[in-house]
Amino acid sequence: MVSKSISKSRFKARVLEYFREVQRTGRELVITDRGTPVLKLIPYRAEPGRALLALRESVLRYERPTDPLDDEEWEASG
């Protein structure tokens, strides 16, 4: 996906319009200062892996990870 670029003075004058455009199209917008890129406006996307961070290091011991569970173990784990 090719980014669109605009000057910071043009961005400042129409900031809400550009916010809506990025949200609607999903295209990035590069803001320049005297022709030099200084900022990039990108659409927000939730990080699916972030929800799993709470589980990190929560497994204390993992014995026999490839062994099947028998009926008693299955009931105890639920």
PDB file of N, CA and C in Angstrom:
ATOM      1  N   MET A   1       0.844  -1.169   0.000  1.00  0.00           N
ATOM      2  CA  MET A   1       0.000   0.000   0.000  1.00  0.00           C
ATOM      3  C   MET A   1       0.899   1.244   0.000  1.00  0.00           C
ATOM      4  N   VAL A   2       0.664   2.133  -0.918  1.00  0.00           N
ATOM      5  CA  VAL A   2       1.463   3.346  -1.044  1.00  0.00           C
ATOM      6  C   VAL A   2       0.908   4.426  -0.118  1.00  0.00           C
ATOM      7  N   SER A   3       1.802   5.076   0.623  1.00  0.00           N
ATOM      8  CA  SER A   3       1.393   6.146   1.527  1.00  0.00           C
ATOM      9  C   SER A   3       1.187   7.436   0.763  1.00  0.00           C
ATOM     10  N   LYS A   4       0.228   8.203   1.198  1.00  0.00           N
ATOM     11  CA  LYS A   4      -0.002   9.536   0.663  1.00  0.00           C
ATOM     12  C   LYS A   4       0.779  10.500   1.552  1.00  0.00           C
ATOM     13  N   SER A   5       1.304  11.588   0.994  1.00  0.00           N
ATOM     14  CA  SER A   5       2.015  12.540   1.848  1.00  0.00           C
ATOM     15  C   SER A   5       1.484  13.952   1.600  1.00  0.00           C
ATOM     16  N   ILE A   6       1.496  14.747   2.678  1.00  0.00           N
ATOM     17  CA  ILE A   6       1.056  16.139   2.619  1.00  0.00           C
ATOM     18  C   ILE A   6       1.940  16.977   3.529  1.00  0.00           C
ATOM     19  N   SER A   7       1.932  18.273   3.282  1.00  0.00           N
ATOM     20  CA  SER A   7       2.715  19.174   4.139  1.00  0.00           C
ATOM     21  C   SER A   7       2.003  19.364   5.471  1.00  0.00           C
ATOM     22  N   LYS A   8       2.773  19.704   6.497  1.00  0.00           N
ATOM     23  CA  LYS A   8       2.162  19.883   7.817  1.00  0.00           C
ATOM     24  C   LYS A   8       1.210  21.077   7.833  1.00  0.00           C
ATOM     25  N   SER A   9       1.461  22.116   7.037  1.00  0.00           N
ATOM     26  CA  SER A   9       0.543  23.262   7.009  1.00  0.00           C
ATOM     27  C   SER A   9      -0.795  22.863   6.398  1.00  0.00           C
ATOM     28  N   ARG A  10      -0.772  22.045   5.364  1.00  0.00           N
ATOM     29  CA  ARG A  10      -2.022  21.565   4.759  1.00  0.00           C
ATOM     30  C   ARG A  10      -2.740  20.618   5.720  1.00  0.00           C
ATOM     31  N   PHE A  11      -1.974  19.759   6.391  1.00  0.00           N
ATOM     32  CA  PHE A  11      -2.557  18.839   7.372  1.00  0.00           C
ATOM     33  C   PHE A  11      -3.242  19.610   8.487  1.00  0.00           C
ATOM     34  N   LYS A  12      -2.571  20.637   9.012  1.00  0.00           N
ATOM     35  CA  LYS A  12      -3.115  21.432  10.117  1.00  0.00           C
ATOM     36  C   LYS A  12      -4.454  22.061   9.756  1.00  0.00           C
ATOM     37  N   ALA A  13      -4.572  22.535   8.533  1.00  0.00           N
ATOM     38  CA  ALA A  13      -5.798  23.201   8.108  1.00  0.00           C
ATOM     39  C   ALA A  13      -6.978  22.243   7.951  1.00  0.00           C
ATOM     40  N   ARG A  14      -6.681  20.943   7.703  1.00  0.00           N
ATOM     41  CA  ARG A  14      -7.766  19.996   7.415  1.00  0.00           C
ATOM     42  C   ARG A  14      -7.600  18.694   8.198  1.00  0.00           C
ATOM     43  N   VAL A  15      -7.134  18.795   9.423  1.00  0.00           N
ATOM     44  CA  VAL A  15      -6.775  17.614  10.212  1.00  0.00           C
ATOM     45  C   VAL A  15      -7.922  16.616  10.369  1.00  0.00           C
ATOM     46  N   LEU A  16      -9.118  17.059  10.687  1.00  0.00           N
ATOM     47  CA  LEU A  16     -10.223  16.115  10.886  1.00  0.00           C
ATOM     48  C   LEU A  16     -10.587  15.391   9.596  1.00  0.00           C
ATOM     49  N   GLU A  17     -10.504  16.095   8.488  1.00  0.00           N
ATOM     50  CA  GLU A  17     -10.762  15.463   7.190  1.00  0.00           C
ATOM     51  C   GLU A  17      -9.756  14.341   6.930  1.00  0.00           C
ATOM     52  N   TYR A  18      -8.490  14.599   7.246  1.00  0.00           N
ATOM     53  CA  TYR A  18      -7.466  13.565   7.042  1.00  0.00           C
ATOM     54  C   TYR A  18      -7.622  12.407   8.023  1.00  0.00           C
ATOM     55  N   PHE A  19      -8.012  12.691   9.255  1.00  0.00           N
ATOM     56  CA  PHE A  19      -8.282  11.617  10.215  1.00  0.00           C
ATOM     57  C   PHE A  19      -9.359  10.688   9.652  1.00  0.00           C
ATOM     58  N   ARG A  20     -10.441  11.277   9.176  1.00  0.00           N
ATOM     59  CA  ARG A  20     -11.546  10.468   8.635  1.00  0.00           C
ATOM     60  C   ARG A  20     -11.113   9.675   7.402  1.00  0.00           C
ATOM     61  N   GLU A  21     -10.290  10.275   6.564  1.00  0.00           N
ATOM     62  CA  GLU A  21      -9.814   9.592   5.354  1.00  0.00           C
ATOM     63  C   GLU A  21      -8.974   8.366   5.716  1.00  0.00           C
ATOM     64  N   VAL A  22      -8.068   8.529   6.659  1.00  0.00           N
ATOM     65  CA  VAL A  22      -7.227   7.396   7.092  1.00  0.00           C
ATOM     66  C   VAL A  22      -8.094   6.314   7.712  1.00  0.00           C
ATOM     67  N   GLN A  23      -9.063   6.716   8.515  1.00  0.00           N
ATOM     68  CA  GLN A  23      -9.960   5.742   9.148  1.00  0.00           C
ATOM     69  C   GLN A  23     -10.790   5.005   8.095  1.00  0.00           C
ATOM     70  N   ARG A  24     -11.311   5.723   7.111  1.00  0.00           N
ATOM     71  CA  ARG A  24     -12.177   5.150   6.090  1.00  0.00           C
ATOM     72  C   ARG A  24     -11.414   4.242   5.120  1.00  0.00           C
ATOM     73  N   THR A  25     -10.253   4.701   4.657  1.00  0.00           N
ATOM     74  CA  THR A  25      -9.519   3.968   3.615  1.00  0.00           C
ATOM     75  C   THR A  25      -8.500   2.980   4.157  1.00  0.00           C
ATOM     76  N   GLY A  26      -8.007   3.237   5.368  1.00  0.00           N
ATOM     77  CA  GLY A  26      -6.949   2.388   5.921  1.00  0.00           C
ATOM     78  C   GLY A  26      -5.574   2.737   5.389  1.00  0.00           C
ATOM     79  N   ARG A  27      -5.483   3.754   4.540  1.00  0.00           N
ATOM     80  CA  ARG A  27      -4.192   4.172   3.968  1.00  0.00           C
ATOM     81  C   ARG A  27      -3.431   5.058   4.940  1.00  0.00           C
ATOM     82  N   GLU A  28      -2.130   4.868   4.982  1.00  0.00           N
ATOM     83  CA  GLU A  28      -1.274   5.707   5.817  1.00  0.00           C
ATOM     84  C   GLU A  28      -1.155   7.099   5.206  1.00  0.00           C
ATOM     85  N   LEU A  29      -0.860   8.069   6.064  1.00  0.00           N
ATOM     86  CA  LEU A  29      -0.656   9.439   5.613  1.00  0.00           C
ATOM     87  C   LEU A  29       0.638   9.944   6.225  1.00  0.00           C
ATOM     88  N   VAL A  30       1.559  10.376   5.387  1.00  0.00           N
ATOM     89  CA  VAL A  30       2.839  10.898   5.845  1.00  0.00           C
ATOM     90  C   VAL A  30       2.764  12.421   5.831  1.00  0.00           C
ATOM     91  N   ILE A  31       3.107  13.039   6.946  1.00  0.00           N
ATOM     92  CA  ILE A  31       3.104  14.488   7.064  1.00  0.00           C
ATOM     93  C   ILE A  31       4.548  14.961   6.931  1.00  0.00           C
ATOM     94  N   THR A  32       4.760  15.942   6.070  1.00  0.00           N
ATOM     95  CA  THR A  32       6.110  16.427   5.797  1.00  0.00           C
ATOM     96  C   THR A  32       6.313  17.844   6.313  1.00  0.00           C
ATOM     97  N   ASP A  33       7.555  18.190   6.611  1.00  0.00           N
ATOM     98  CA  ASP A  33       7.956  19.543   6.991  1.00  0.00           C
ATOM     99  C   ASP A  33       9.059  19.957   6.020  1.00  0.00           C
ATOM    100  N   ARG A  34       8.726  20.878   5.147  1.00  0.00           N
ATOM    101  CA  ARG A  34       9.655  21.332   4.097  1.00  0.00           C
ATOM    102  C   ARG A  34      10.164  20.160   3.246  1.00  0.00           C
ATOM    103  N   GLY A  35       9.242  19.245   2.947  1.00  0.00           N
ATOM    104  CA  GLY A  35       9.565  18.116   2.087  1.00  0.00           C
ATOM    105  C   GLY A  35      10.157  16.909   2.791  1.00  0.00           C
ATOM    106  N   THR A  36      10.462  17.038   4.083  1.00  0.00           N
ATOM    107  CA  THR A  36      11.038  15.930   4.844  1.00  0.00           C
ATOM    108  C   THR A  36       9.950  15.237   5.662  1.00  0.00           C
ATOM    109  N   PRO A  37       9.784  13.929   5.528  1.00  0.00           N
ATOM    110  CA  PRO A  37       8.779  13.222   6.331  1.00  0.00           C
ATOM    111  C   PRO A  37       9.088  13.357   7.820  1.00  0.00           C
ATOM    112  N   VAL A  38       8.067  13.732   8.606  1.00  0.00           N
ATOM    113  CA  VAL A  38       8.263  13.889  10.052  1.00  0.00           C
ATOM    114  C   VAL A  38       7.282  13.057  10.873  1.00  0.00           C
ATOM    115  N   LEU A  39       6.113  12.763  10.328  1.00  0.00           N
ATOM    116  CA  LEU A  39       5.107  11.987  11.053  1.00  0.00           C
ATOM    117  C   LEU A  39       4.400  11.045  10.100  1.00  0.00           C
ATOM    118  N   LYS A  40       3.861   9.965  10.664  1.00  0.00           N
ATOM    119  CA  LYS A  40       3.034   9.054   9.878  1.00  0.00           C
ATOM    120  C   LYS A  40       1.749   8.807  10.646  1.00  0.00           C
ATOM    121  N   LEU A  41       0.631   9.060  10.013  1.00  0.00           N
ATOM    122  CA  LEU A  41      -0.678   8.795  10.592  1.00  0.00           C
ATOM    123  C   LEU A  41      -1.151   7.465  10.028  1.00  0.00           C
ATOM    124  N   ILE A  42      -1.404   6.501  10.910  1.00  0.00           N
ATOM    125  CA  ILE A  42      -1.822   5.172  10.471  1.00  0.00           C
ATOM    126  C   ILE A  42      -3.120   4.807  11.170  1.00  0.00           C
ATOM    127  N   PRO A  43      -3.947   3.954  10.563  1.00  0.00           N
ATOM    128  CA  PRO A  43      -5.190   3.540  11.226  1.00  0.00           C
ATOM    129  C   PRO A  43      -4.879   2.644  12.420  1.00  0.00           C
ATOM    130  N   TYR A  44      -5.703   2.749  13.441  1.00  0.00           N
ATOM    131  CA  TYR A  44      -5.541   1.921  14.629  1.00  0.00           C
ATOM    132  C   TYR A  44      -6.033   0.506  14.329  1.00  0.00           C
ATOM    133  N   ARG A  45      -5.255  -0.461  14.732  1.00  0.00           N
ATOM    134  CA  ARG A  45      -5.655  -1.870  14.650  1.00  0.00           C
ATOM    135  C   ARG A  45      -5.306  -2.522  15.980  1.00  0.00           C
ATOM    136  N   ALA A  46      -6.303  -3.104  16.601  1.00  0.00           N
ATOM    137  CA  ALA A  46      -6.067  -3.776  17.885  1.00  0.00           C
ATOM    138  C   ALA A  46      -5.093  -4.925  17.676  1.00  0.00           C
ATOM    139  N   GLU A  47      -4.204  -5.103  18.609  1.00  0.00           N
ATOM    140  CA  GLU A  47      -3.232  -6.186  18.538  1.00  0.00           C
ATOM    141  C   GLU A  47      -3.823  -7.431  19.195  1.00  0.00           C
ATOM    142  N   PRO A  48      -4.117  -8.468  18.417  1.00  0.00           N
ATOM    143  CA  PRO A  48      -4.744  -9.652  19.011  1.00  0.00           C
ATOM    144  C   PRO A  48      -3.859 -10.326  20.046  1.00  0.00           C
ATOM    145  N   GLY A  49      -2.551 -10.272  19.909  1.00  0.00           N
ATOM    146  CA  GLY A  49      -1.658 -10.902  20.864  1.00  0.00           C
ATOM    147  C   GLY A  49      -1.633 -10.215  22.212  1.00  0.00           C
ATOM    148  N   ARG A  50      -2.092  -8.975  22.253  1.00  0.00           N
ATOM    149  CA  ARG A  50      -2.080  -8.206  23.500  1.00  0.00           C
ATOM    150  C   ARG A  50      -2.947  -8.863  24.585  1.00  0.00           C
ATOM    151  N   ALA A  51      -4.035  -9.479  24.191  1.00  0.00           N
ATOM    152  CA  ALA A  51      -4.923 -10.143  25.148  1.00  0.00           C
ATOM    153  C   ALA A  51      -4.236 -11.328  25.817  1.00  0.00           C
ATOM    154  N   LEU A  52      -3.267 -11.915  25.132  1.00  0.00           N
ATOM    155  CA  LEU A  52      -2.564 -13.080  25.684  1.00  0.00           C
ATOM    156  C   LEU A  52      -1.444 -12.704  26.646  1.00  0.00           C
ATOM    157  N   LEU A  53      -1.072 -11.429  26.690  1.00  0.00           N
ATOM    158  CA  LEU A  53       0.014 -11.016  27.580  1.00  0.00           C
ATOM    159  C   LEU A  53      -0.285 -11.324  29.047  1.00  0.00           C
ATOM    160  N   ALA A  54      -1.551 -11.264  29.427  1.00  0.00           N
ATOM    161  CA  ALA A  54      -1.922 -11.563  30.814  1.00  0.00           C
ATOM    162  C   ALA A  54      -1.616 -13.014  31.183  1.00  0.00           C
ATOM    163  N   LEU A  55      -1.580 -13.883  30.195  1.00  0.00           N
ATOM    164  CA  LEU A  55      -1.311 -15.301  30.453  1.00  0.00           C
ATOM    165  C   LEU A  55       0.174 -15.648  30.452  1.00  0.00           C
ATOM    166  N   ARG A  56       0.997 -14.720  29.994  1.00  0.00           N
ATOM    167  CA  ARG A  56       2.432 -14.990  29.909  1.00  0.00           C
ATOM    168  C   ARG A  56       2.982 -15.371  31.283  1.00  0.00           C
ATOM    169  N   GLU A  57       3.789 -16.428  31.303  1.00  0.00           N
ATOM    170  CA  GLU A  57       4.432 -16.972  32.505  1.00  0.00           C
ATOM    171  C   GLU A  57       3.431 -17.465  33.546  1.00  0.00           C
ATOM    172  N   SER A  58       2.200 -17.774  33.133  1.00  0.00           N
ATOM    173  CA  SER A  58       1.210 -18.282  34.081  1.00  0.00           C
ATOM    174  C   SER A  58       1.265 -19.806  34.220  1.00  0.00           C
ATOM    175  N   VAL A  59       1.935 -20.490  33.301  1.00  0.00           N
ATOM    176  CA  VAL A  59       2.104 -21.937  33.410  1.00  0.00           C
ATOM    177  C   VAL A  59       3.331 -22.188  34.272  1.00  0.00           C
ATOM    178  N   LEU A  60       3.112 -22.783  35.425  1.00  0.00           N
ATOM    179  CA  LEU A  60       4.205 -23.018  36.365  1.00  0.00           C
ATOM    180  C   LEU A  60       4.985 -24.287  36.024  1.00  0.00           C
ATOM    181  N   ARG A  61       4.262 -25.306  35.586  1.00  0.00           N
ATOM    182  CA  ARG A  61       4.916 -26.570  35.260  1.00  0.00           C
ATOM    183  C   ARG A  61       4.096 -27.253  34.176  1.00  0.00           C
ATOM    184  N   TYR A  62       4.760 -27.795  33.202  1.00  0.00           N
ATOM    185  CA  TYR A  62       4.069 -28.417  32.079  1.00  0.00           C
ATOM    186  C   TYR A  62       4.667 -29.793  31.861  1.00  0.00           C
ATOM    187  N   GLU A  63       4.093 -30.784  32.528  1.00  0.00           N
ATOM    188  CA  GLU A  63       4.593 -32.151  32.434  1.00  0.00           C
ATOM    189  C   GLU A  63       3.845 -32.912  31.341  1.00  0.00           C
ATOM    190  N   ARG A  64       4.542 -33.748  30.632  1.00  0.00           N
ATOM    191  CA  ARG A  64       3.978 -34.625  29.599  1.00  0.00           C
ATOM    192  C   ARG A  64       3.061 -33.865  28.625  1.00  0.00           C
ATOM    193  N   PRO A  65       3.543 -32.881  27.934  1.00  0.00           N
ATOM    194  CA  PRO A  65       2.674 -32.080  27.072  1.00  0.00           C
ATOM    195  C   PRO A  65       2.071 -32.838  25.888  1.00  0.00           C
ATOM    196  N   THR A  66       2.691 -33.967  25.504  1.00  0.00           N
ATOM    197  CA  THR A  66       2.165 -34.707  24.357  1.00  0.00           C
ATOM    198  C   THR A  66       1.330 -35.919  24.749  1.00  0.00           C
ATOM    199  N   ASP A  67       1.261 -36.229  26.038  1.00  0.00           N
ATOM    200  CA  ASP A  67       0.462 -37.372  26.478  1.00  0.00           C
ATOM    201  C   ASP A  67      -1.024 -37.024  26.454  1.00  0.00           C
ATOM    202  N   PRO A  68      -1.867 -37.971  26.011  1.00  0.00           N
ATOM    203  CA  PRO A  68      -3.315 -37.718  26.054  1.00  0.00           C
ATOM    204  C   PRO A  68      -3.818 -37.748  27.500  1.00  0.00           C
ATOM    205  N   LEU A  69      -4.895 -37.049  27.758  1.00  0.00           N
ATOM    206  CA  LEU A  69      -5.512 -37.051  29.082  1.00  0.00           C
ATOM    207  C   LEU A  69      -6.495 -38.205  29.178  1.00  0.00           C
ATOM    208  N   ASP A  70      -6.526 -38.879  30.335  1.00  0.00           N
ATOM    209  CA  ASP A  70      -7.564 -39.876  30.523  1.00  0.00           C
ATOM    210  C   ASP A  70      -8.793 -39.174  31.092  1.00  0.00           C
ATOM    211  N   ASP A  71      -9.871 -39.897  31.282  1.00  0.00           N
ATOM    212  CA  ASP A  71     -11.134 -39.295  31.719  1.00  0.00           C
ATOM    213  C   ASP A  71     -11.011 -38.582  33.058  1.00  0.00           C
ATOM    214  N   GLU A  72     -10.296 -39.174  34.029  1.00  0.00           N
ATOM    215  CA  GLU A  72     -10.132 -38.542  35.342  1.00  0.00           C
ATOM    216  C   GLU A  72      -9.368 -37.229  35.246  1.00  0.00           C
ATOM    217  N   GLU A  73      -8.292 -37.217  34.488  1.00  0.00           N
ATOM    218  CA  GLU A  73      -7.495 -36.002  34.330  1.00  0.00           C
ATOM    219  C   GLU A  73      -8.302 -34.917  33.610  1.00  0.00           C
ATOM    220  N   TRP A  74      -9.099 -35.321  32.624  1.00  0.00           N
ATOM    221  CA  TRP A  74      -9.894 -34.353  31.884  1.00  0.00           C
ATOM    222  C   TRP A  74     -10.891 -33.659  32.808  1.00  0.00           C
ATOM    223  N   GLU A  75     -11.558 -34.422  33.652  1.00  0.00           N
ATOM    224  CA  GLU A  75     -12.529 -33.856  34.595  1.00  0.00           C
ATOM    225  C   GLU A  75     -11.840 -32.957  35.608  1.00  0.00           C
ATOM    226  N   ALA A  76     -10.643 -33.319  36.052  1.00  0.00           N
ATOM    227  CA  ALA A  76      -9.924 -32.521  37.040  1.00  0.00           C
ATOM    228  C   ALA A  76      -9.423 -31.219  36.441  1.00  0.00           C
ATOM    229  N   SER A  77      -9.127 -31.202  35.140  1.00  0.00           N
ATOM    230  CA  SER A  77      -8.589 -30.004  34.532  1.00  0.00           C
ATOM    231  C   SER A  77      -9.683 -28.992  34.179  1.00  0.00           C
ATOM    232  N   GLY A  78     -10.924 -29.384  34.143  1.00  0.00           N
ATOM    233  CA  GLY A  78     -12.016 -28.485  33.738  1.00  0.00           C
ATOM    234  C   GLY A  78     -12.543 -27.761  34.871  1.00  0.00           C
TER     235      GLY A  78
END
